[in-house]
PDB file of N, CA and C in Angstrom:
ATOM      1  N   MET A   1      21.533  19.031   8.430  1.00  0.00           N
ATOM      2  CA  MET A   1      20.575  18.125   7.840  1.00  0.00           C
ATOM      3  C   MET A   1      21.321  17.076   7.008  1.00  0.00           C
ATOM      4  N   SER A   2      20.943  15.841   7.170  1.00  0.00           N
ATOM      5  CA  SER A   2      21.586  14.733   6.469  1.00  0.00           C
ATOM      6  C   SER A   2      20.979  14.526   5.083  1.00  0.00           C
ATOM      7  N   ASN A   3      21.811  14.095   4.143  1.00  0.00           N
ATOM      8  CA  ASN A   3      21.332  13.756   2.812  1.00  0.00           C
ATOM      9  C   ASN A   3      20.984  12.276   2.707  1.00  0.00           C
ATOM     10  N   LYS A   4      20.991  11.602   3.811  1.00  0.00           N
ATOM     11  CA  LYS A   4      20.708  10.174   3.831  1.00  0.00           C
ATOM     12  C   LYS A   4      19.225   9.928   3.517  1.00  0.00           C
ATOM     13  N   ALA A   5      18.958   8.992   2.619  1.00  0.00           N
ATOM     14  CA  ALA A   5      17.577   8.651   2.253  1.00  0.00           C
ATOM     15  C   ALA A   5      16.884   7.956   3.420  1.00  0.00           C
ATOM     16  N   ILE A   6      15.624   8.250   3.579  1.00  0.00           N
ATOM     17  CA  ILE A   6      14.815   7.614   4.608  1.00  0.00           C
ATOM     18  C   ILE A   6      13.706   6.840   3.901  1.00  0.00           C
ATOM     19  N   LEU A   7      13.688   5.537   4.110  1.00  0.00           N
ATOM     20  CA  LEU A   7      12.626   4.726   3.543  1.00  0.00           C
ATOM     21  C   LEU A   7      11.450   4.748   4.504  1.00  0.00           C
ATOM     22  N   SER A   8      10.289   5.125   3.986  1.00  0.00           N
ATOM     23  CA  SER A   8       9.124   5.198   4.858  1.00  0.00           C
ATOM     24  C   SER A   8       7.868   4.816   4.091  1.00  0.00           C
ATOM     25  N   THR A   9       6.818   4.601   4.836  1.00  0.00           N
ATOM     26  CA  THR A   9       5.536   4.201   4.268  1.00  0.00           C
ATOM     27  C   THR A   9       4.423   4.943   4.986  1.00  0.00           C
ATOM     28  N   ILE A  10       3.381   5.244   4.248  1.00  0.00           N
ATOM     29  CA  ILE A  10       2.176   5.810   4.846  1.00  0.00           C
ATOM     30  C   ILE A  10       0.986   5.118   4.216  1.00  0.00           C
ATOM     31  N   LEU A  11      -0.033   4.875   4.991  1.00  0.00           N
ATOM     32  CA  LEU A  11      -1.244   4.250   4.479  1.00  0.00           C
ATOM     33  C   LEU A  11      -2.372   5.265   4.552  1.00  0.00           C
ATOM     34  N   LEU A  12      -2.829   5.703   3.389  1.00  0.00           N
ATOM     35  CA  LEU A  12      -3.962   6.615   3.304  1.00  0.00           C
ATOM     36  C   LEU A  12      -5.190   5.814   2.917  1.00  0.00           C
ATOM     37  N   THR A  13      -6.334   6.167   3.489  1.00  0.00           N
ATOM     38  CA  THR A  13      -7.573   5.478   3.146  1.00  0.00           C
ATOM     39  C   THR A  13      -8.611   6.479   2.653  1.00  0.00           C
ATOM     40  N   PHE A  14      -9.573   5.966   1.871  1.00  0.00           N
ATOM     41  CA  PHE A  14     -10.625   6.829   1.335  1.00  0.00           C
ATOM     42  C   PHE A  14     -11.537   7.341   2.444  1.00  0.00           C
ATOM     43  N   ASN A  15     -11.919   6.479   3.336  1.00  0.00           N
ATOM     44  CA  ASN A  15     -12.673   6.931   4.512  1.00  0.00           C
ATOM     45  C   ASN A  15     -12.414   5.958   5.652  1.00  0.00           C
ATOM     46  N   LYS A  16     -12.609   6.436   6.850  1.00  0.00           N
ATOM     47  CA  LYS A  16     -12.222   5.648   8.026  1.00  0.00           C
ATOM     48  C   LYS A  16     -13.099   4.429   8.254  1.00  0.00           C
ATOM     49  N   ASN A  17     -14.294   4.401   7.690  1.00  0.00           N
ATOM     50  CA  ASN A  17     -15.189   3.268   7.930  1.00  0.00           C
ATOM     51  C   ASN A  17     -14.885   2.080   7.028  1.00  0.00           C
ATOM     52  N   GLU A  18     -14.600   2.313   5.759  1.00  0.00           N
ATOM     53  CA  GLU A  18     -14.350   1.212   4.839  1.00  0.00           C
ATOM     54  C   GLU A  18     -12.879   0.822   4.797  1.00  0.00           C
ATOM     55  N   ARG A  19     -12.000   1.731   5.132  1.00  0.00           N
ATOM     56  CA  ARG A  19     -10.554   1.505   5.171  1.00  0.00           C
ATOM     57  C   ARG A  19      -9.997   1.028   3.836  1.00  0.00           C
ATOM     58  N   MET A  20     -10.582   1.498   2.739  1.00  0.00           N
ATOM     59  CA  MET A  20     -10.062   1.179   1.406  1.00  0.00           C
ATOM     60  C   MET A  20      -8.802   2.000   1.187  1.00  0.00           C
ATOM     61  N   PRO A  21      -7.658   1.345   0.947  1.00  0.00           N
ATOM     62  CA  PRO A  21      -6.418   2.105   0.799  1.00  0.00           C
ATOM     63  C   PRO A  21      -6.371   2.891  -0.509  1.00  0.00           C
ATOM     64  N   VAL A  22      -5.697   4.026  -0.459  1.00  0.00           N
ATOM     65  CA  VAL A  22      -5.408   4.799  -1.663  1.00  0.00           C
ATOM     66  C   VAL A  22      -4.159   4.169  -2.278  1.00  0.00           C
ATOM     67  N   ILE A  23      -4.236   3.815  -3.554  1.00  0.00           N
ATOM     68  CA  ILE A  23      -3.096   3.247  -4.267  1.00  0.00           C
ATOM     69  C   ILE A  23      -2.788   4.175  -5.435  1.00  0.00           C
ATOM     70  N   LEU A  24      -1.591   4.732  -5.433  1.00  0.00           N
ATOM     71  CA  LEU A  24      -1.217   5.648  -6.520  1.00  0.00           C
ATOM     72  C   LEU A  24      -0.897   4.882  -7.794  1.00  0.00           C
ATOM     73  N   LYS A  25      -1.286   5.449  -8.898  1.00  0.00           N
ATOM     74  CA  LYS A  25      -0.894   4.916 -10.200  1.00  0.00           C
ATOM     75  C   LYS A  25       0.571   5.301 -10.424  1.00  0.00           C
ATOM     76  N   LYS A  26       1.292   4.482 -11.155  1.00  0.00           N
ATOM     77  CA  LYS A  26       2.723   4.721 -11.405  1.00  0.00           C
ATOM     78  C   LYS A  26       2.942   6.121 -11.979  1.00  0.00           C
ATOM     79  N   ASP A  27       2.053   6.553 -12.884  1.00  0.00           N
ATOM     80  CA  ASP A  27       2.189   7.872 -13.519  1.00  0.00           C
ATOM     81  C   ASP A  27       2.010   9.034 -12.542  1.00  0.00           C
ATOM     82  N   ASP A  28       1.398   8.781 -11.384  1.00  0.00           N
ATOM     83  CA  ASP A  28       1.126   9.847 -10.412  1.00  0.00           C
ATOM     84  C   ASP A  28       2.188   9.952  -9.316  1.00  0.00           C
ATOM     85  N   GLU A  29       3.122   9.028  -9.278  1.00  0.00           N
ATOM     86  CA  GLU A  29       4.106   9.014  -8.187  1.00  0.00           C
ATOM     87  C   GLU A  29       4.971  10.272  -8.153  1.00  0.00           C
ATOM     88  N   ASP A  30       5.415  10.752  -9.308  1.00  0.00           N
ATOM     89  CA  ASP A  30       6.263  11.952  -9.324  1.00  0.00           C
ATOM     90  C   ASP A  30       5.525  13.164  -8.778  1.00  0.00           C
ATOM     91  N   LEU A  31       4.267  13.324  -9.152  1.00  0.00           N
ATOM     92  CA  LEU A  31       3.468  14.441  -8.629  1.00  0.00           C
ATOM     93  C   LEU A  31       3.335  14.324  -7.115  1.00  0.00           C
ATOM     94  N   TRP A  32       3.041  13.141  -6.616  1.00  0.00           N
ATOM     95  CA  TRP A  32       2.867  12.923  -5.182  1.00  0.00           C
ATOM     96  C   TRP A  32       4.148  13.242  -4.410  1.00  0.00           C
ATOM     97  N   LEU A  33       5.295  12.916  -4.992  1.00  0.00           N
ATOM     98  CA  LEU A  33       6.573  13.086  -4.295  1.00  0.00           C
ATOM     99  C   LEU A  33       7.241  14.437  -4.536  1.00  0.00           C
ATOM    100  N   ASP A  34       6.694  15.262  -5.413  1.00  0.00           N
ATOM    101  CA  ASP A  34       7.289  16.556  -5.750  1.00  0.00           C
ATOM    102  C   ASP A  34       7.102  17.542  -4.595  1.00  0.00           C
ATOM    103  N   ARG A  35       8.191  17.879  -3.914  1.00  0.00           N
ATOM    104  CA  ARG A  35       8.108  18.782  -2.755  1.00  0.00           C
ATOM    105  C   ARG A  35       8.026  20.250  -3.162  1.00  0.00           C
ATOM    106  N   GLU A  36       8.290  20.552  -4.424  1.00  0.00           N
ATOM    107  CA  GLU A  36       8.243  21.936  -4.892  1.00  0.00           C
ATOM    108  C   GLU A  36       6.811  22.389  -5.184  1.00  0.00           C
ATOM    109  N   LYS A  37       5.972  21.447  -5.557  1.00  0.00           N
ATOM    110  CA  LYS A  37       4.579  21.769  -5.891  1.00  0.00           C
ATOM    111  C   LYS A  37       3.686  21.231  -4.789  1.00  0.00           C
ATOM    112  N   TYR A  38       2.826  22.084  -4.294  1.00  0.00           N
ATOM    113  CA  TYR A  38       1.836  21.614  -3.335  1.00  0.00           C
ATOM    114  C   TYR A  38       0.500  22.228  -3.713  1.00  0.00           C
ATOM    115  N   ASP A  39      -0.332  21.436  -4.297  1.00  0.00           N
ATOM    116  CA  ASP A  39      -1.677  21.851  -4.668  1.00  0.00           C
ATOM    117  C   ASP A  39      -2.625  20.813  -4.065  1.00  0.00           C
ATOM    118  N   ARG A  40      -3.231  21.179  -2.963  1.00  0.00           N
ATOM    119  CA  ARG A  40      -4.076  20.245  -2.218  1.00  0.00           C
ATOM    120  C   ARG A  40      -5.130  19.587  -3.100  1.00  0.00           C
ATOM    121  N   LEU A  41      -5.805  20.367  -3.930  1.00  0.00           N
ATOM    122  CA  LEU A  41      -6.857  19.807  -4.770  1.00  0.00           C
ATOM    123  C   LEU A  41      -6.293  18.845  -5.814  1.00  0.00           C
ATOM    124  N   GLN A  42      -5.124  19.180  -6.368  1.00  0.00           N
ATOM    125  CA  GLN A  42      -4.506  18.292  -7.343  1.00  0.00           C
ATOM    126  C   GLN A  42      -4.083  16.974  -6.681  1.00  0.00           C
ATOM    127  N   LEU A  43      -3.536  17.072  -5.488  1.00  0.00           N
ATOM    128  CA  LEU A  43      -3.141  15.857  -4.775  1.00  0.00           C
ATOM    129  C   LEU A  43      -4.359  15.026  -4.385  1.00  0.00           C
ATOM    130  N   GLN A  44      -5.412  15.679  -3.932  1.00  0.00           N
ATOM    131  CA  GLN A  44      -6.620  14.939  -3.565  1.00  0.00           C
ATOM    132  C   GLN A  44      -7.256  14.261  -4.774  1.00  0.00           C
ATOM    133  N   SER A  45      -7.049  14.807  -5.961  1.00  0.00           N
ATOM    134  CA  SER A  45      -7.607  14.194  -7.162  1.00  0.00           C
ATOM    135  C   SER A  45      -6.969  12.828  -7.447  1.00  0.00           C
ATOM    136  N   LEU A  46      -5.827  12.552  -6.827  1.00  0.00           N
ATOM    137  CA  LEU A  46      -5.176  11.260  -6.995  1.00  0.00           C
ATOM    138  C   LEU A  46      -5.851  10.168  -6.170  1.00  0.00           C
ATOM    139  N   PHE A  47      -6.695  10.564  -5.230  1.00  0.00           N
ATOM    140  CA  PHE A  47      -7.356   9.614  -4.335  1.00  0.00           C
ATOM    141  C   PHE A  47      -8.581   9.022  -5.024  1.00  0.00           C
ATOM    142  N   THR A  48      -8.344   8.167  -5.970  1.00  0.00           N
ATOM    143  CA  THR A  48      -9.425   7.506  -6.696  1.00  0.00           C
ATOM    144  C   THR A  48      -9.247   6.004  -6.536  1.00  0.00           C
ATOM    145  N   PRO A  49     -10.342   5.259  -6.600  1.00  0.00           N
ATOM    146  CA  PRO A  49     -10.210   3.803  -6.476  1.00  0.00           C
ATOM    147  C   PRO A  49      -9.293   3.241  -7.563  1.00  0.00           C
ATOM    148  N   TYR A  50      -8.430   2.330  -7.174  1.00  0.00           N
ATOM    149  CA  TYR A  50      -7.507   1.685  -8.102  1.00  0.00           C
ATOM    150  C   TYR A  50      -8.284   0.646  -8.904  1.00  0.00           C
ATOM    151  N   ASP A  51      -7.975   0.512 -10.162  1.00  0.00           N
ATOM    152  CA  ASP A  51      -8.647  -0.432 -11.043  1.00  0.00           C
ATOM    153  C   ASP A  51      -8.405  -1.854 -10.548  1.00  0.00           C
ATOM    154  N   SER A  52      -9.463  -2.533 -10.138  1.00  0.00           N
ATOM    155  CA  SER A  52      -9.313  -3.885  -9.593  1.00  0.00           C
ATOM    156  C   SER A  52      -8.761  -4.857 -10.635  1.00  0.00           C
ATOM    157  N   GLY A  53      -8.913  -4.543 -11.911  1.00  0.00           N
ATOM    158  CA  GLY A  53      -8.354  -5.384 -12.954  1.00  0.00           C
ATOM    159  C   GLY A  53      -6.833  -5.349 -12.982  1.00  0.00           C
ATOM    160  N   GLU A  54      -6.245  -4.346 -12.343  1.00  0.00           N
ATOM    161  CA  GLU A  54      -4.785  -4.215 -12.266  1.00  0.00           C
ATOM    162  C   GLU A  54      -4.214  -4.881 -11.019  1.00  0.00           C
ATOM    163  N   MET A  55      -5.095  -5.399 -10.157  1.00  0.00           N
ATOM    164  CA  MET A  55      -4.646  -6.017  -8.903  1.00  0.00           C
ATOM    165  C   MET A  55      -4.606  -7.535  -9.038  1.00  0.00           C
ATOM    166  N   MET A  56      -3.818  -8.147  -8.167  1.00  0.00           N
ATOM    167  CA  MET A  56      -3.747  -9.598  -8.100  1.00  0.00           C
ATOM    168  C   MET A  56      -4.146  -9.997  -6.675  1.00  0.00           C
ATOM    169  N   VAL A  57      -5.029 -10.955  -6.558  1.00  0.00           N
ATOM    170  CA  VAL A  57      -5.516 -11.397  -5.257  1.00  0.00           C
ATOM    171  C   VAL A  57      -5.153 -12.867  -5.067  1.00  0.00           C
ATOM    172  N   TYR A  58      -4.599 -13.180  -3.897  1.00  0.00           N
ATOM    173  CA  TYR A  58      -4.272 -14.567  -3.580  1.00  0.00           C
ATOM    174  C   TYR A  58      -4.187 -14.710  -2.062  1.00  0.00           C
ATOM    175  N   PRO A  59      -4.407 -15.922  -1.550  1.00  0.00           N
ATOM    176  CA  PRO A  59      -4.348 -16.132  -0.100  1.00  0.00           C
ATOM    177  C   PRO A  59      -2.904 -16.100   0.409  1.00  0.00           C
ATOM    178  N   VAL A  60      -2.739 -15.566   1.618  1.00  0.00           N
ATOM    179  CA  VAL A  60      -1.437 -15.538   2.284  1.00  0.00           C
ATOM    180  C   VAL A  60      -1.587 -16.129   3.678  1.00  0.00           C
ATOM    181  N   SER A  61      -0.491 -16.424   4.310  1.00  0.00           N
ATOM    182  CA  SER A  61      -0.484 -17.005   5.644  1.00  0.00           C
ATOM    183  C   SER A  61      -1.106 -16.046   6.668  1.00  0.00           C
ATOM    184  N   ALA A  62      -1.690 -16.610   7.703  1.00  0.00           N
ATOM    185  CA  ALA A  62      -2.264 -15.804   8.787  1.00  0.00           C
ATOM    186  C   ALA A  62      -1.195 -15.019   9.533  1.00  0.00           C
ATOM    187  N   LYS A  63       0.078 -15.391   9.396  1.00  0.00           N
ATOM    188  CA  LYS A  63       1.134 -14.666  10.109  1.00  0.00           C
ATOM    189  C   LYS A  63       1.253 -13.217   9.637  1.00  0.00           C
ATOM    190  N   VAL A  64       0.676 -12.893   8.487  1.00  0.00           N
ATOM    191  CA  VAL A  64       0.707 -11.513   7.999  1.00  0.00           C
ATOM    192  C   VAL A  64      -0.054 -10.577   8.953  1.00  0.00           C
ATOM    193  N   GLY A  65      -0.919 -11.144   9.775  1.00  0.00           N
ATOM    194  CA  GLY A  65      -1.719 -10.336  10.691  1.00  0.00           C
ATOM    195  C   GLY A  65      -0.996  -9.875  11.946  1.00  0.00           C
ATOM    196  N   SER A  66       0.239 -10.284  12.135  1.00  0.00           N
ATOM    197  CA  SER A  66       0.988  -9.899  13.331  1.00  0.00           C
ATOM    198  C   SER A  66       2.143  -8.980  12.969  1.00  0.00           C
ATOM    199  N   PRO A  67       2.270  -7.842  13.662  1.00  0.00           N
ATOM    200  CA  PRO A  67       3.372  -6.928  13.367  1.00  0.00           C
ATOM    201  C   PRO A  67       4.755  -7.508  13.683  1.00  0.00           C
ATOM    202  N   LYS A  68       4.825  -8.592  14.459  1.00  0.00           N
ATOM    203  CA  LYS A  68       6.131  -9.190  14.761  1.00  0.00           C
ATOM    204  C   LYS A  68       6.694  -9.950  13.563  1.00  0.00           C
ATOM    205  N   ASN A  69       5.840 -10.266  12.608  1.00  0.00           N
ATOM    206  CA  ASN A  69       6.274 -10.971  11.399  1.00  0.00           C
ATOM    207  C   ASN A  69       6.546  -9.955  10.296  1.00  0.00           C
ATOM    208  N   ASP A  70       7.744 -10.007   9.755  1.00  0.00           N
ATOM    209  CA  ASP A  70       8.128  -9.066   8.704  1.00  0.00           C
ATOM    210  C   ASP A  70       9.096  -9.764   7.770  1.00  0.00           C
ATOM    211  N   GLY A  71       8.678  -9.924   6.543  1.00  0.00           N
ATOM    212  CA  GLY A  71       9.556 -10.573   5.583  1.00  0.00           C
ATOM    213  C   GLY A  71       8.778 -11.083   4.389  1.00  0.00           C
ATOM    214  N   PRO A  72       9.497 -11.581   3.405  1.00  0.00           N
ATOM    215  CA  PRO A  72       8.868 -12.035   2.164  1.00  0.00           C
ATOM    216  C   PRO A  72       7.836 -13.140   2.370  1.00  0.00           C
ATOM    217  N   SER A  73       8.015 -13.958   3.406  1.00  0.00           N
ATOM    218  CA  SER A  73       7.072 -15.056   3.615  1.00  0.00           C
ATOM    219  C   SER A  73       5.662 -14.550   3.936  1.00  0.00           C
ATOM    220  N   CYS A  74       5.546 -13.310   4.382  1.00  0.00           N
ATOM    221  CA  CYS A  74       4.226 -12.745   4.699  1.00  0.00           C
ATOM    222  C   CYS A  74       3.378 -12.507   3.447  1.00  0.00           C
ATOM    223  N   ILE A  75       4.027 -12.374   2.307  1.00  0.00           N
ATOM    224  CA  ILE A  75       3.255 -12.097   1.092  1.00  0.00           C
ATOM    225  C   ILE A  75       3.322 -13.229   0.073  1.00  0.00           C
ATOM    226  N   GLN A  76       3.884 -14.366   0.488  1.00  0.00           N
ATOM    227  CA  GLN A  76       3.937 -15.512  -0.416  1.00  0.00           C
ATOM    228  C   GLN A  76       2.571 -16.186  -0.461  1.00  0.00           C
ATOM    229  N   GLU A  77       2.185 -16.586  -1.667  1.00  0.00           N
ATOM    230  CA  GLU A  77       0.906 -17.268  -1.839  1.00  0.00           C
ATOM    231  C   GLU A  77       0.949 -18.628  -1.147  1.00  0.00           C
ATOM    232  N   VAL A  78      -0.154 -18.976  -0.482  1.00  0.00           N
ATOM    233  CA  VAL A  78      -0.269 -20.279   0.170  1.00  0.00           C
ATOM    234  C   VAL A  78      -1.512 -20.982  -0.351  1.00  0.00           C
ATOM    235  N   GLU A  79      -1.537 -22.293  -0.176  1.00  0.00           N
ATOM    236  CA  GLU A  79      -2.718 -23.056  -0.531  1.00  0.00           C
ATOM    237  C   GLU A  79      -3.779 -22.811   0.533  1.00  0.00           C
ATOM    238  N   ILE A  80      -5.025 -22.828   0.139  1.00  0.00           N
ATOM    239  CA  ILE A  80      -6.122 -22.544   1.075  1.00  0.00           C
ATOM    240  C   ILE A  80      -6.049 -23.441   2.305  1.00  0.00           C
ATOM    241  N   GLY A  81      -5.699 -24.714   2.157  1.00  0.00           N
ATOM    242  CA  GLY A  81      -5.630 -25.630   3.293  1.00  0.00           C
ATOM    243  C   GLY A  81      -4.533 -25.296   4.284  1.00  0.00           C
ATOM    244  N   SER A  82      -3.561 -24.447   3.896  1.00  0.00           N
ATOM    245  CA  SER A  82      -2.439 -24.155   4.787  1.00  0.00           C
ATOM    246  C   SER A  82      -2.447 -22.707   5.302  1.00  0.00           C
ATOM    247  N   LEU A  83      -3.592 -22.051   5.217  1.00  0.00           N
ATOM    248  CA  LEU A  83      -3.668 -20.648   5.659  1.00  0.00           C
ATOM    249  C   LEU A  83      -3.255 -20.446   7.103  1.00  0.00           C
ATOM    250  N   PHE A  84      -3.549 -21.396   7.969  1.00  0.00           N
ATOM    251  CA  PHE A  84      -3.301 -21.204   9.386  1.00  0.00           C
ATOM    252  C   PHE A  84      -2.097 -22.001   9.888  1.00  0.00           C
ATOM    253  N   GLU A  85      -1.285 -22.441   8.975  1.00  0.00           N
ATOM    254  CA  GLU A  85      -0.071 -23.151   9.333  1.00  0.00           C
ATOM    255  C   GLU A  85       1.132 -22.229   9.146  1.00  0.00           C
ATOM    256  N   ASP A  86       2.185 -22.465   9.891  1.00  0.00           N
ATOM    257  CA  ASP A  86       3.419 -21.685   9.712  1.00  0.00           C
ATOM    258  C   ASP A  86       4.337 -22.331   8.761  1.00  0.00           C
TER     259      ASP A  86
END
């Protein structure tokens, strides 16, 4: 077994119809990543809506919708008039 770190991502949602993502609070990350403790109910208690006051919303380019595009430009804020421009 290798000790090499593996960077990975998973997207959990509250329910399949609304597709609202689960966003962990910074204070809950250690519990989520602790492989020694596994308490299903405790982990499920972390699945709460994230405070919208802690989020930032801004328009991004339409290229974010394609999996072939990957990079910082996908999350850069754009002016509303340039949403569909590259």
